[in-house]
Amino acid sequence: MLTPPDDLSTDATQAALTERFLLPALAEIEAALLELRVDTDQALAGKVPTYKGKPYPYGCCHEITLDVMGRVAAFAAQRRSPGQLALNDFFRRGGRGKLIWGVLRDSYFQNAMHLGGLYVDVSNDTVDVTKPKVEILPMDRSGLVLIQDAVHFARVAERYWDARAYANTLLPSLAPLFPVVLVDSRGQITIQSNAGYMKRLLGTDSFVRSQQWLRTAPRLPDTLAAAFRSACPPDLQAANPEVGLAAAVTACEALRSTVIDAAWVQRMSEAFVRVPAMTVSRTPAA
């Protein structure tokens, strides 16, 4: 069975390890992470796709965070700096670190690390490049919140990505896991979202959250809907002969008796990546 996404809570053990190993060495840990960002920037700059035509590191928080996390794991044997030593001691005693994704200060999506009881953002400059590269705060003071449902996701996506959100009634077979269609200011149409957190969130409540969005969200204008459908691979069109709200809701309801596991999500994700991110010449009126 698919497991629900993690929350942002900190248990007593992780709080104690944070107090013992991390808090006394925050400045040293920040310095160690900044050193790793130098290596990460050298590895990724010019090699990851740019976002909206803006240069690296804009929009690259996921790639940067994953790369730095890999380097944190790799330097355990090096023990070169006080910050690295503090992190090594923390992990050796049972400290945990994991990738988290959510909405930062009600403004934009952000990837970061949940390290013990700390919010550790090693890609703090990927929206505003003038900000420090690394930010470390107590998790409860970070301003990061988890996405609650598809409505919440769509509201943030519209603001952050300068887009308009619609119900995915065009490919009903994908609507349970990817219920949102976005049209951004450039006229690009995409279905959303392939983020791991969103797939676990929507896949572990019998798709009630997806149905809520599908029933209440606006429909894509007919001309854009027709253009989007015609750009999809023929087999995806054939697998979705009926379009509309009823077909999308029925697809959600039909999965109530299906075992939603990692293999099922993988099959859906494989279909997701075959849906084109197409661009139309004009965006619909607000």
Protein backbone atom coordinates (compact mmCIF):
# COMPACT_ATOMS: atom_id res chain seq x y z
CA MET A 1 0.00 0.00 0.00
CA LEU A 2 1.06 3.57 -0.61
CA THR A 3 2.07 5.37 2.58
CA PRO A 4 0.86 8.93 3.30
CA PRO A 5 3.46 11.72 3.10
CA ASP A 6 5.50 12.53 6.18
CA ASP A 7 4.54 15.45 8.35
CA LEU A 8 6.86 18.12 9.74
CA SER A 9 6.75 17.03 13.36
CA THR A 10 9.86 16.27 15.41
CA ASP A 11 9.79 13.43 17.93
CA ALA A 12 11.52 13.54 21.31
CA THR A 13 14.57 11.59 20.13
CA GLN A 14 15.25 13.86 17.17
CA ALA A 15 14.66 16.94 19.31
CA ALA A 16 17.22 15.72 21.84
CA LEU A 17 19.79 14.91 19.15
CA THR A 18 19.24 18.33 17.60
CA GLU A 19 19.79 19.98 20.98
CA ARG A 20 22.96 17.99 21.62
CA PHE A 21 24.72 17.97 18.25
CA LEU A 22 23.24 20.54 15.89
CA LEU A 23 22.29 23.65 17.84
CA PRO A 24 25.74 24.19 19.39
CA ALA A 25 27.34 24.04 15.93
CA LEU A 26 24.87 25.92 13.72
CA ALA A 27 27.45 28.39 12.40
CA GLU A 28 29.89 25.59 11.60
CA ILE A 29 27.17 23.49 9.93
CA GLU A 30 26.09 26.46 7.80
CA ALA A 31 29.72 26.96 6.72
CA ALA A 32 30.03 23.28 5.80
CA LEU A 33 26.83 23.42 3.74
CA LEU A 34 27.99 26.55 1.97
CA GLU A 35 31.16 24.69 0.97
CA LEU A 36 29.03 21.90 -0.45
CA ARG A 37 26.92 24.44 -2.38
CA VAL A 38 30.09 25.56 -4.16
CA ASP A 39 30.62 21.99 -5.36
CA THR A 40 26.95 21.62 -6.24
CA ASP A 41 26.91 24.84 -8.24
CA GLN A 42 29.97 23.74 -10.18
CA ALA A 43 28.29 20.42 -10.94
CA LEU A 44 24.85 21.74 -11.92
CA ALA A 45 25.30 25.21 -13.44
CA GLY A 46 24.73 25.03 -17.16
CA LYS A 47 23.67 21.38 -16.96
CA VAL A 48 20.15 21.52 -15.50
CA PRO A 49 17.24 22.98 -17.47
CA THR A 50 16.60 26.67 -16.93
CA TYR A 51 13.20 27.76 -15.67
CA LYS A 52 11.30 30.43 -17.61
CA GLY A 53 14.53 31.32 -19.36
CA LYS A 54 16.16 32.53 -16.14
CA PRO A 55 19.72 31.47 -15.35
CA TYR A 56 20.75 28.94 -12.73
CA PRO A 57 20.01 28.68 -9.82
CA TYR A 58 16.51 30.11 -10.37
CA GLY A 59 13.88 27.38 -9.98
CA CYS A 60 16.43 24.62 -9.29
CA CYS A 61 15.67 24.01 -5.60
CA HIS A 62 14.90 20.31 -6.11
CA GLU A 63 18.08 19.56 -8.03
CA ILE A 64 20.26 21.56 -5.65
CA THR A 65 18.78 20.04 -2.51
CA LEU A 66 19.16 16.48 -3.79
CA ASP A 67 22.76 17.11 -4.83
CA VAL A 68 23.72 18.64 -1.49
CA MET A 69 22.00 15.82 0.40
CA GLY A 70 24.08 13.33 -1.56
CA ARG A 71 27.24 15.23 -0.68
CA VAL A 72 26.27 15.34 3.01
CA ALA A 73 25.96 11.55 2.98
CA ALA A 74 29.26 11.17 1.12
CA PHE A 75 31.41 13.32 3.40
CA ALA A 76 30.86 11.11 6.48
CA ALA A 77 34.28 9.50 5.97
CA GLN A 78 36.12 12.77 5.30
CA ARG A 79 35.65 14.57 8.64
CA ARG A 80 37.26 17.74 7.36
CA SER A 81 35.52 20.57 9.22
CA PRO A 82 33.80 21.20 12.56
CA GLY A 83 30.44 21.44 10.78
CA GLN A 84 30.93 18.10 9.10
CA LEU A 85 32.01 16.55 12.39
CA ALA A 86 28.82 17.83 14.07
CA LEU A 87 26.65 16.39 11.31
CA ASN A 88 28.53 13.09 11.40
CA ASP A 89 28.01 12.81 15.16
CA PHE A 90 24.32 13.64 14.74
CA PHE A 91 23.76 10.92 12.13
CA ARG A 92 25.87 8.33 13.98
CA ARG A 93 23.71 8.70 17.08
CA GLY A 94 20.51 8.16 15.11
CA GLY A 95 19.78 11.60 13.74
CA ARG A 96 17.63 11.70 10.64
CA GLY A 97 17.51 13.94 7.60
CA LYS A 98 14.99 13.82 4.79
CA LEU A 99 13.87 15.80 1.77
CA ILE A 100 10.74 17.86 2.33
CA TRP A 101 8.61 19.88 -0.07
CA GLY A 102 5.92 22.40 0.68
CA VAL A 103 4.84 26.02 0.50
CA LEU A 104 7.23 28.55 1.99
CA ARG A 105 5.64 31.55 3.68
CA ASP A 106 2.51 31.16 1.57
CA SER A 107 4.44 32.33 -1.48
CA TYR A 108 6.09 29.53 -3.43
CA PHE A 109 6.94 25.84 -3.53
CA GLN A 110 10.26 24.95 -1.92
CA ASN A 111 12.42 21.87 -1.39
CA ALA A 112 14.49 21.69 1.78
CA MET A 113 15.88 19.26 4.34
CA HIS A 114 14.22 18.30 7.61
CA LEU A 115 17.29 17.69 9.77
CA GLY A 116 16.33 16.60 13.26
CA GLY A 117 14.18 19.50 14.41
CA LEU A 118 15.61 21.97 11.90
CA TYR A 119 14.53 23.37 8.57
CA VAL A 120 17.69 23.42 6.44
CA ASP A 121 17.31 25.15 3.09
CA VAL A 122 20.42 24.76 0.93
CA SER A 123 18.69 26.33 -2.09
CA ASN A 124 17.44 29.51 -0.44
CA ASP A 125 18.48 31.61 -3.45
CA THR A 126 16.48 29.80 -6.14
CA VAL A 127 13.60 32.30 -6.14
CA ASP A 128 15.45 35.45 -5.10
CA VAL A 129 19.08 35.06 -6.15
CA THR A 130 20.15 37.89 -3.84
CA LYS A 131 19.26 35.87 -0.72
CA PRO A 132 21.83 33.77 1.17
CA LYS A 133 22.31 30.32 -0.33
CA VAL A 134 21.71 28.51 2.98
CA GLU A 135 19.07 29.15 5.64
CA ILE A 136 18.75 27.16 8.89
CA LEU A 137 15.79 27.66 11.24
CA PRO A 138 13.78 25.69 13.77
CA MET A 139 11.16 23.87 11.74
CA ASP A 140 8.28 25.53 13.57
CA ARG A 141 9.70 28.98 12.69
CA SER A 142 10.55 28.25 9.05
CA GLY A 143 7.26 29.30 7.50
CA LEU A 144 7.08 26.02 5.55
CA VAL A 145 3.69 24.30 5.44
CA LEU A 146 2.65 21.15 3.66
CA ILE A 147 0.15 21.17 0.81
CA GLN A 148 -3.25 20.18 2.17
CA ASP A 149 -5.13 19.26 -1.00
CA ALA A 150 -5.40 19.94 -4.73
CA VAL A 151 -7.19 23.24 -4.08
CA HIS A 152 -4.25 24.42 -1.97
CA PHE A 153 -1.76 23.28 -4.62
CA ALA A 154 -3.65 25.08 -7.39
CA ARG A 155 -3.87 28.32 -5.42
CA VAL A 156 -0.13 28.43 -4.81
CA ALA A 157 0.71 27.31 -8.36
CA GLU A 158 -1.40 30.09 -9.86
CA ARG A 159 0.41 32.73 -7.82
CA TYR A 160 3.94 31.32 -7.98
CA TRP A 161 3.94 30.18 -11.61
CA ASP A 162 1.74 33.00 -12.95
CA ALA A 163 -0.79 30.50 -14.23
CA ARG A 164 -4.48 29.63 -14.23
CA ALA A 165 -5.64 26.29 -12.89
CA TYR A 166 -8.37 24.08 -14.32
CA ALA A 167 -9.82 20.63 -13.75
CA ASN A 168 -8.24 17.76 -15.66
CA THR A 169 -11.33 16.52 -17.44
CA LEU A 170 -9.37 15.99 -20.66
CA LEU A 171 -7.53 12.81 -19.66
CA PRO A 172 -9.89 11.28 -17.07
CA SER A 173 -7.76 8.16 -16.55
CA LEU A 174 -4.99 10.42 -15.16
CA ALA A 175 -7.29 12.78 -13.24
CA PRO A 176 -7.23 10.86 -9.93
CA LEU A 177 -3.49 11.39 -9.45
CA PHE A 178 -3.04 14.46 -11.68
CA PRO A 179 -6.29 16.44 -11.31
CA VAL A 180 -4.95 19.91 -12.15
CA VAL A 181 -4.33 21.47 -15.56
CA LEU A 182 -2.25 24.65 -15.59
CA VAL A 183 -2.03 27.29 -18.31
CA ASP A 184 0.80 29.71 -17.58
CA SER A 185 1.38 33.23 -18.86
CA ARG A 186 3.42 31.90 -21.78
CA GLY A 187 0.46 29.82 -22.92
CA GLN A 188 2.00 26.50 -21.88
CA ILE A 189 -0.49 23.81 -20.84
CA THR A 190 0.57 21.08 -18.41
CA ILE A 191 -1.08 18.57 -16.11
CA GLN A 192 0.01 18.60 -12.46
CA SER A 193 1.65 17.41 -10.33
CA ASN A 194 4.29 14.70 -10.56
CA ALA A 195 5.83 15.69 -7.21
CA GLY A 196 6.23 12.67 -4.95
CA TYR A 197 4.49 14.41 -2.07
CA MET A 198 1.42 15.20 -4.16
CA LYS A 199 1.15 11.64 -5.45
CA ARG A 200 1.25 10.24 -1.93
CA LEU A 201 -1.20 12.88 -0.68
CA LEU A 202 -3.80 12.23 -3.37
CA GLY A 203 -3.22 8.48 -3.57
CA THR A 204 -3.88 7.74 0.10
CA ASP A 205 -7.35 9.21 0.67
CA SER A 206 -9.36 7.32 -1.97
CA PHE A 207 -8.92 10.37 -4.23
CA VAL A 208 -11.40 12.45 -2.26
CA ARG A 209 -9.12 15.48 -2.57
CA SER A 210 -8.90 15.00 -6.32
CA GLN A 211 -12.68 14.74 -6.64
CA GLN A 212 -13.14 17.90 -4.58
CA TRP A 213 -10.97 19.82 -7.02
CA LEU A 214 -12.50 18.27 -10.14
CA ARG A 215 -16.03 19.12 -9.01
CA THR A 216 -15.31 22.75 -8.16
CA ALA A 217 -12.54 23.88 -10.53
CA PRO A 218 -13.19 25.71 -13.81
CA ARG A 219 -13.03 23.85 -17.11
CA LEU A 220 -10.41 24.59 -19.72
CA PRO A 221 -11.86 26.65 -22.60
CA ASP A 222 -12.97 24.45 -25.50
CA THR A 223 -10.37 25.68 -27.98
CA LEU A 224 -7.52 25.01 -25.57
CA ALA A 225 -8.99 21.68 -24.53
CA ALA A 226 -9.19 20.53 -28.16
CA ALA A 227 -5.63 21.65 -28.87
CA PHE A 228 -4.33 19.89 -25.78
CA ARG A 229 -6.14 16.64 -26.56
CA SER A 230 -4.94 16.60 -30.16
CA ALA A 231 -1.32 17.01 -29.00
CA CYS A 232 -1.50 13.93 -26.75
CA PRO A 233 -0.17 10.57 -28.02
CA PRO A 234 -2.86 8.58 -29.89
CA ASP A 235 -2.84 5.74 -27.38
CA LEU A 236 -3.54 8.14 -24.52
CA GLN A 237 -6.42 9.62 -26.47
CA ALA A 238 -7.74 6.11 -27.15
CA ALA A 239 -7.47 5.24 -23.46
CA ASN A 240 -9.62 8.29 -22.68
CA PRO A 241 -12.46 8.14 -25.21
CA GLU A 242 -14.79 10.13 -22.96
CA VAL A 243 -13.95 13.54 -21.55
CA GLY A 244 -15.69 15.75 -19.04
CA LEU A 245 -16.38 15.98 -15.32
CA ALA A 246 -18.42 12.79 -15.08
CA ALA A 247 -15.66 10.71 -16.67
CA ALA A 248 -13.00 12.21 -14.40
CA VAL A 249 -15.05 11.65 -11.24
CA THR A 250 -15.91 8.11 -12.33
CA ALA A 251 -12.20 7.40 -12.77
CA CYS A 252 -11.64 8.44 -9.15
CA GLU A 253 -14.52 6.35 -7.85
CA ALA A 254 -13.46 3.29 -9.85
CA LEU A 255 -10.14 3.22 -7.98
CA ARG A 256 -11.76 2.85 -4.55
CA SER A 257 -11.44 -0.94 -4.83
CA THR A 258 -7.93 -0.82 -6.34
CA VAL A 259 -4.75 -1.36 -4.35
CA ILE A 260 -2.83 1.88 -4.69
CA ASP A 261 0.84 0.96 -4.39
CA ALA A 262 4.19 2.17 -5.69
CA ALA A 263 3.87 0.07 -8.86
CA TRP A 264 0.51 1.65 -9.72
CA VAL A 265 1.91 5.14 -9.09
CA GLN A 266 4.89 4.33 -11.31
CA ARG A 267 2.59 3.32 -14.17
CA MET A 268 0.65 6.55 -13.79
CA SER A 269 3.88 8.55 -13.69
CA GLU A 270 5.04 6.88 -16.90
CA ALA A 271 1.82 8.00 -18.56
CA PHE A 272 2.27 11.49 -17.07
CA VAL A 273 5.66 12.04 -18.71
CA ARG A 274 4.17 11.18 -22.10
CA VAL A 275 1.64 14.01 -21.87
CA PRO A 276 3.15 16.96 -23.75
CA ALA A 277 3.71 20.37 -22.20
CA MET A 278 2.21 22.15 -25.18
CA THR A 279 2.17 25.88 -25.83
CA VAL A 280 -0.76 27.76 -27.34
CA SER A 281 -0.51 31.17 -28.90
CA ARG A 282 -2.98 32.84 -26.56
CA THR A 283 -3.96 32.29 -22.96
CA PRO A 284 -7.60 32.35 -21.87
CA ALA A 285 -9.08 35.44 -20.30
CA ALA A 286 -8.96 35.65 -16.51
